[in-house]
Amino acid sequence: MSLLHRYCGALVGVLAGDALGAPYEHQKAAVIREDLTRRGGLVPFDYLDPWEKVRQVKSGQPTDDSELTACLGISLGKRPMFDADDLYHRLRDFIHGRQSVLTDGPAYGSGGTLRAALKPTSYAESLASFERGEVPVVPSNGSLMRCAPVALCCHGNIAEIIDFAARQSRVTHVHPSAQAACVIYSVLMSLLLDGTAPSVAWYKTQDMLFVHRYARTNEMVQPLLSINTYQPEESEIWPQTGSVVLSLRIALWALLSASSFRDGITRAVSVGGDTDTYAAIAGGLLGAVYGTEGIPREWREVLIGREKMEDIATSLYEVARA
């Protein structure tokens, strides 16, 4: 499999996980399992949006997980030295301007931390809002769900991956856990893009980052590298459904236990809770492993915005090769 196919797989994988997981957001595991059994597995279908419950959503529709991933990818593709102001305005245009990046229709979904961080009209004003304590500093998953493009832009350059992953998180999510999770995820994805087996890639990520100087500046790196990668119990899901630690754990479990892209995404969705985000995060990793062709055809064909995600992946491939 070519590196470019893995690049496209990573971003289309985010989109697939997001779109397939969105209909089940906020549902309990037992309800999801019953529906999957009735439908014969995880399949695309039209659904009533789980956020406002007022709009019918088409199957394959991206939500904020994919849209914000695309924002970061476009920003890195146009400004590969990382421009926080550029990223801020792209994210803000989607969250507050409701301007979809991947479709011609309405935008769907957004988290409270993102809305608060992106409320000011400039990045400088947002930073000031954080300093005044006006924006909550919580370990939520909004920066992890979008960070797949970092590994594509900086593939093979570990120092740059760590720097970009942490900086892109700080644009909206400054909590040490959010930054550490983005760094770990991005390093892991870079290794997967090389064709490294998931279990070996995870071991190498742990080995590399346990002793890296970044671990001395962010106290959450080592605890997250020791995270439990077994399937979480339902009692663990609901108290922390949108947390970055739980989201990373579910993605790692789905990656390390999956026999295929379909199997991994189904696992991430089946736990319940923040299902679109869990599956989007897992989908980036699984897509880097299995490539675009590893994503079931019946899923790929309905994904709205797939071609744009592939274009973004190709532009990042060219940036990384330059």
Protein backbone atom coordinates (compact mmCIF):
# COMPACT_ATOMS: atom_id res chain seq x y z
CA MET A 1 0.00 0.00 0.00
CA SER A 2 1.35 3.42 -0.92
CA LEU A 3 1.92 6.18 1.60
CA LEU A 4 -0.58 8.38 -0.25
CA HIS A 5 -3.29 5.72 0.18
CA ARG A 6 -2.58 5.73 3.91
CA TYR A 7 -2.80 9.54 3.98
CA CYS A 8 -6.19 9.46 2.26
CA GLY A 9 -7.26 6.58 4.48
CA ALA A 10 -6.48 8.59 7.61
CA LEU A 11 -8.65 11.60 6.69
CA VAL A 12 -11.42 9.61 5.02
CA GLY A 13 -11.27 7.37 8.09
CA VAL A 14 -12.01 10.36 10.32
CA LEU A 15 -14.98 11.22 8.10
CA ALA A 16 -16.26 7.64 8.05
CA GLY A 17 -16.05 7.24 11.83
CA ASP A 18 -17.73 10.59 12.35
CA ALA A 19 -20.59 9.95 9.92
CA LEU A 20 -21.23 6.36 11.04
CA GLY A 21 -21.05 7.25 14.73
CA ALA A 22 -23.17 10.41 14.65
CA PRO A 23 -26.62 8.74 14.59
CA TYR A 24 -25.84 7.02 17.88
CA GLU A 25 -24.48 9.98 19.84
CA HIS A 26 -25.73 10.12 23.46
CA GLN A 27 -27.18 6.61 23.25
CA LYS A 28 -26.42 3.78 25.69
CA ALA A 29 -24.43 0.74 24.59
CA ALA A 30 -27.36 -1.66 24.93
CA VAL A 31 -29.58 0.49 22.69
CA ILE A 32 -26.82 0.71 20.07
CA ARG A 33 -26.17 -3.04 20.11
CA GLU A 34 -29.86 -3.72 19.64
CA ASP A 35 -30.03 -1.37 16.65
CA LEU A 36 -26.89 -2.84 15.07
CA THR A 37 -28.37 -6.31 15.38
CA ARG A 38 -31.63 -5.15 13.81
CA ARG A 39 -29.83 -3.47 10.89
CA GLY A 40 -27.34 -6.28 10.36
CA GLY A 41 -24.34 -4.27 11.49
CA LEU A 42 -23.11 -0.69 11.34
CA VAL A 43 -24.64 0.81 8.21
CA PRO A 44 -25.27 4.37 6.99
CA PHE A 45 -28.82 5.68 7.35
CA ASP A 46 -30.73 8.97 7.55
CA TYR A 47 -31.47 10.06 11.11
CA LEU A 48 -32.86 12.85 13.28
CA ASP A 49 -29.98 14.97 14.51
CA PRO A 50 -29.05 14.06 18.11
CA TRP A 51 -27.99 17.62 19.04
CA GLU A 52 -31.07 19.79 18.51
CA LYS A 53 -33.48 17.05 17.36
CA VAL A 54 -35.03 19.31 14.74
CA ARG A 55 -33.37 18.32 11.45
CA GLN A 56 -33.27 15.15 9.40
CA VAL A 57 -29.66 14.33 8.58
CA LYS A 58 -28.55 12.44 5.47
CA SER A 59 -26.44 9.33 5.79
CA GLY A 60 -22.74 10.10 5.35
CA GLN A 61 -23.11 13.67 6.62
CA PRO A 62 -20.00 15.05 8.36
CA THR A 63 -20.31 16.74 11.74
CA ASP A 64 -17.90 19.07 13.51
CA ASP A 65 -15.33 16.28 14.01
CA SER A 66 -14.67 16.00 10.29
CA GLU A 67 -15.24 19.66 9.51
CA LEU A 68 -12.68 20.86 12.05
CA THR A 69 -10.23 18.19 10.90
CA ALA A 70 -10.60 19.65 7.42
CA CYS A 71 -10.04 23.18 8.79
CA LEU A 72 -6.73 22.11 10.34
CA GLY A 73 -5.73 20.19 7.22
CA ILE A 74 -6.41 23.14 4.93
CA SER A 75 -4.54 25.50 7.26
CA LEU A 76 -1.50 23.24 7.41
CA GLY A 77 -1.60 22.67 3.67
CA LYS A 78 -1.57 26.40 2.94
CA ARG A 79 0.70 27.46 5.80
CA PRO A 80 2.85 24.44 6.71
CA MET A 81 4.91 26.35 9.29
CA PHE A 82 1.71 26.47 11.42
CA ASP A 83 -0.21 29.69 11.71
CA ALA A 84 -2.35 29.82 14.85
CA ASP A 85 -4.26 32.90 13.66
CA ASP A 86 -5.14 31.26 10.37
CA LEU A 87 -6.33 28.11 12.14
CA TYR A 88 -8.31 30.13 14.68
CA HIS A 89 -10.29 31.94 11.99
CA ARG A 90 -10.96 28.75 10.01
CA LEU A 91 -12.28 27.04 13.13
CA ARG A 92 -14.29 30.11 14.09
CA ASP A 93 -15.87 30.43 10.64
CA PHE A 94 -17.22 26.92 11.03
CA ILE A 95 -18.31 27.11 14.68
CA HIS A 96 -19.84 30.59 14.73
CA GLY A 97 -20.26 31.35 11.04
CA ARG A 98 -21.79 27.90 10.47
CA GLN A 99 -19.86 27.70 7.21
CA SER A 100 -19.41 24.05 6.25
CA VAL A 101 -15.98 23.22 4.86
CA LEU A 102 -16.85 19.85 3.35
CA THR A 103 -20.39 20.35 2.04
CA ASP A 104 -22.65 22.90 0.39
CA GLY A 105 -25.25 22.49 3.11
CA PRO A 106 -25.63 23.39 6.78
CA ALA A 107 -22.99 22.68 9.42
CA TYR A 108 -23.72 20.19 12.20
CA GLY A 109 -22.47 19.93 15.76
CA SER A 110 -20.10 21.84 18.06
CA GLY A 111 -18.79 21.51 21.60
CA GLY A 112 -19.14 24.02 24.41
CA THR A 113 -15.40 24.45 24.94
CA LEU A 114 -14.91 25.18 21.25
CA ARG A 115 -17.72 27.72 21.14
CA ALA A 116 -16.35 29.54 24.16
CA ALA A 117 -12.74 29.55 22.96
CA LEU A 118 -13.74 30.75 19.49
CA LYS A 119 -16.21 33.44 20.57
CA PRO A 120 -13.74 36.38 20.39
CA THR A 121 -13.22 37.82 16.92
CA SER A 122 -9.43 37.32 17.03
CA TYR A 123 -7.00 34.76 18.37
CA ALA A 124 -5.29 37.43 20.48
CA GLU A 125 -8.62 38.23 22.14
CA SER A 126 -9.23 34.54 22.72
CA LEU A 127 -5.86 34.19 24.47
CA ALA A 128 -6.78 37.13 26.67
CA SER A 129 -10.10 35.49 27.49
CA PHE A 130 -8.27 32.37 28.64
CA GLU A 131 -5.97 34.47 30.83
CA ARG A 132 -8.98 36.17 32.43
CA GLY A 133 -10.56 32.80 33.16
CA GLU A 134 -13.51 33.43 30.85
CA VAL A 135 -12.98 30.20 28.87
CA PRO A 136 -13.20 26.86 30.72
CA VAL A 137 -9.95 24.92 30.83
CA VAL A 138 -11.28 21.38 30.78
CA PRO A 139 -9.83 18.07 29.50
CA SER A 140 -12.37 17.65 26.69
CA ASN A 141 -11.80 16.00 23.32
CA GLY A 142 -12.33 18.86 20.86
CA SER A 143 -8.70 19.28 19.83
CA LEU A 144 -7.95 15.55 19.69
CA MET A 145 -10.82 14.89 17.30
CA ARG A 146 -9.33 17.21 14.66
CA CYS A 147 -5.59 16.60 14.94
CA ALA A 148 -5.03 13.82 12.35
CA PRO A 149 -3.62 16.30 9.75
CA VAL A 150 -0.63 17.04 12.01
CA ALA A 151 0.89 13.60 11.42
CA LEU A 152 0.30 13.93 7.68
CA CYS A 153 1.87 17.38 7.44
CA CYS A 154 4.89 16.52 9.61
CA HIS A 155 5.23 12.81 8.85
CA GLY A 156 8.54 11.43 10.07
CA ASN A 157 9.61 14.63 11.87
CA ILE A 158 8.91 13.78 15.50
CA ALA A 159 10.04 17.14 16.91
CA GLU A 160 7.74 19.00 14.51
CA ILE A 161 4.84 16.60 15.15
CA ILE A 162 5.07 17.22 18.90
CA ASP A 163 5.31 20.98 18.44
CA PHE A 164 2.43 21.26 15.95
CA ALA A 165 0.16 18.84 17.83
CA ALA A 166 0.48 20.75 21.09
CA ARG A 167 0.16 24.17 19.44
CA GLN A 168 -2.94 23.27 17.44
CA SER A 169 -4.55 22.02 20.65
CA ARG A 170 -3.79 25.24 22.50
CA VAL A 171 -5.76 27.28 19.97
CA THR A 172 -8.93 26.03 21.70
CA HIS A 173 -7.98 23.42 24.33
CA VAL A 174 -5.13 24.42 26.63
CA HIS A 175 -5.61 21.72 29.28
CA PRO A 176 -2.42 19.61 29.63
CA SER A 177 -4.38 16.38 29.03
CA ALA A 178 -5.76 17.68 25.73
CA GLN A 179 -2.31 18.74 24.54
CA ALA A 180 -0.68 15.48 25.64
CA ALA A 181 -3.35 13.37 23.96
CA CYS A 182 -2.86 15.24 20.68
CA VAL A 183 0.89 14.70 20.84
CA ILE A 184 0.56 10.98 21.58
CA TYR A 185 -2.06 10.47 18.87
CA SER A 186 -0.02 12.32 16.25
CA VAL A 187 3.22 10.44 16.96
CA LEU A 188 1.33 7.14 16.86
CA MET A 189 -0.32 8.02 13.55
CA SER A 190 3.00 8.95 11.98
CA LEU A 191 4.31 5.48 12.81
CA LEU A 192 1.16 3.85 11.43
CA LEU A 193 1.60 5.77 8.18
CA ASP A 194 4.96 4.01 7.83
CA GLY A 195 3.14 0.67 7.83
CA THR A 196 4.15 -0.20 11.38
CA ALA A 197 1.79 -2.74 12.97
CA PRO A 198 -0.56 -1.09 15.51
CA SER A 199 0.79 -2.90 18.59
CA VAL A 200 4.38 -2.16 17.59
CA ALA A 201 3.54 1.46 16.77
CA TRP A 202 1.93 1.92 20.20
CA TYR A 203 4.96 0.38 21.92
CA LYS A 204 7.32 2.64 19.97
CA THR A 205 5.18 5.70 20.79
CA GLN A 206 5.37 4.86 24.49
CA ASP A 207 9.09 4.17 24.33
CA MET A 208 9.81 7.39 22.45
CA LEU A 209 7.68 9.77 24.48
CA PHE A 210 8.32 8.40 27.97
CA VAL A 211 11.84 9.82 27.76
CA HIS A 212 11.23 12.77 25.43
CA ARG A 213 11.82 16.23 26.84
CA TYR A 214 8.19 17.13 26.13
CA ALA A 215 7.19 14.69 28.88
CA ARG A 216 9.08 16.89 31.33
CA THR A 217 7.08 19.98 30.36
CA ASN A 218 3.64 18.32 30.32
CA GLU A 219 2.92 16.21 33.37
CA MET A 220 0.08 14.35 31.62
CA VAL A 221 2.21 12.67 28.95
CA GLN A 222 3.45 9.76 31.03
CA PRO A 223 0.05 8.98 32.65
CA LEU A 224 -1.58 8.91 29.21
CA LEU A 225 1.15 6.67 27.84
CA SER A 226 0.25 4.21 30.62
CA ILE A 227 -3.46 4.38 29.81
CA ASN A 228 -5.59 1.25 30.02
CA THR A 229 -6.27 0.12 26.44
CA TYR A 230 -8.97 -2.42 27.29
CA GLN A 231 -12.63 -1.84 26.48
CA PRO A 232 -14.10 0.60 29.02
CA GLU A 233 -17.05 -0.48 31.14
CA GLU A 234 -20.31 1.41 30.62
CA SER A 235 -19.93 2.85 34.12
CA GLU A 236 -16.75 4.56 32.88
CA ILE A 237 -18.37 6.08 29.78
CA TRP A 238 -21.08 8.36 31.09
CA PRO A 239 -19.30 10.28 33.86
CA GLN A 240 -16.63 11.35 31.34
CA THR A 241 -18.26 10.85 27.94
CA GLY A 242 -16.57 13.85 26.28
CA SER A 243 -13.23 13.64 28.06
CA VAL A 244 -10.04 13.50 26.06
CA VAL A 245 -8.60 10.70 28.20
CA LEU A 246 -11.58 8.41 27.63
CA SER A 247 -11.67 9.32 23.93
CA LEU A 248 -8.00 8.44 23.47
CA ARG A 249 -8.50 5.19 25.38
CA ILE A 250 -11.42 4.11 23.20
CA ALA A 251 -9.51 4.94 20.02
CA LEU A 252 -6.49 2.95 21.19
CA TRP A 253 -8.67 0.00 22.19
CA ALA A 254 -10.43 0.05 18.82
CA LEU A 255 -7.11 0.25 16.96
CA LEU A 256 -5.29 -2.45 18.94
CA SER A 257 -8.17 -4.94 18.99
CA ALA A 258 -9.57 -4.45 15.48
CA SER A 259 -9.40 -7.10 12.78
CA SER A 260 -10.45 -4.58 10.10
CA PHE A 261 -11.49 -0.96 9.64
CA ARG A 262 -15.15 -2.00 9.93
CA ASP A 263 -14.50 -3.91 13.13
CA GLY A 264 -12.59 -1.04 14.74
CA ILE A 265 -15.22 1.59 13.95
CA THR A 266 -18.01 -0.71 15.12
CA ARG A 267 -16.19 -1.16 18.43
CA ALA A 268 -15.76 2.60 18.90
CA VAL A 269 -19.43 3.27 18.20
CA SER A 270 -20.77 0.37 20.27
CA VAL A 271 -19.61 1.72 23.62
CA GLY A 272 -22.16 4.57 23.52
CA GLY A 273 -21.73 8.19 24.59
CA ASP A 274 -19.82 10.59 22.32
CA THR A 275 -19.91 8.04 19.53
CA ASP A 276 -19.14 10.25 16.53
CA THR A 277 -16.03 11.65 18.17
CA TYR A 278 -14.77 8.31 19.47
CA ALA A 279 -15.19 6.79 16.00
CA ALA A 280 -13.67 9.81 14.22
CA ILE A 281 -10.56 9.66 16.40
CA ALA A 282 -10.30 5.89 15.96
CA GLY A 283 -11.06 6.27 12.25
CA GLY A 284 -7.98 8.38 11.65
CA LEU A 285 -5.72 5.72 13.15
CA LEU A 286 -7.52 2.82 11.48
CA GLY A 287 -7.50 4.62 8.14
CA ALA A 288 -3.73 5.05 8.38
CA VAL A 289 -3.45 1.28 8.88
CA TYR A 290 -5.94 0.00 6.29
CA GLY A 291 -5.89 2.81 3.74
CA THR A 292 -8.82 4.10 1.72
CA GLU A 293 -9.53 0.70 0.18
CA GLY A 294 -9.81 -0.82 3.65
CA ILE A 295 -12.85 1.35 4.38
CA PRO A 296 -15.97 -0.60 3.33
CA ARG A 297 -17.16 0.49 -0.10
CA GLU A 298 -20.75 0.93 1.05
CA TRP A 299 -19.47 3.39 3.64
CA ARG A 300 -17.10 5.25 1.31
CA GLU A 301 -19.74 5.76 -1.37
CA VAL A 302 -22.13 7.67 0.89
CA LEU A 303 -19.59 9.90 2.65
CA ILE A 304 -20.42 13.53 1.93
CA GLY A 305 -17.18 15.46 1.52
CA ARG A 306 -14.99 12.41 0.83
CA GLU A 307 -13.39 13.92 -2.28
CA LYS A 308 -12.49 17.08 -0.38
CA MET A 309 -10.92 15.03 2.40
CA GLU A 310 -8.86 13.16 -0.19
CA ASP A 311 -7.77 16.47 -1.75
CA ILE A 312 -6.67 17.75 1.67
CA ALA A 313 -4.76 14.53 2.31
CA THR A 314 -3.03 14.83 -1.06
CA SER A 315 -2.01 18.44 -0.38
CA LEU A 316 -0.55 17.42 2.99
CA TYR A 317 1.29 14.55 1.30
CA GLU A 318 2.88 17.08 -1.07
CA VAL A 319 3.77 19.39 1.85
CA ALA A 320 5.46 16.53 3.71
CA ARG A 321 7.41 15.48 0.60
CA ALA A 322 8.58 19.02 -0.22
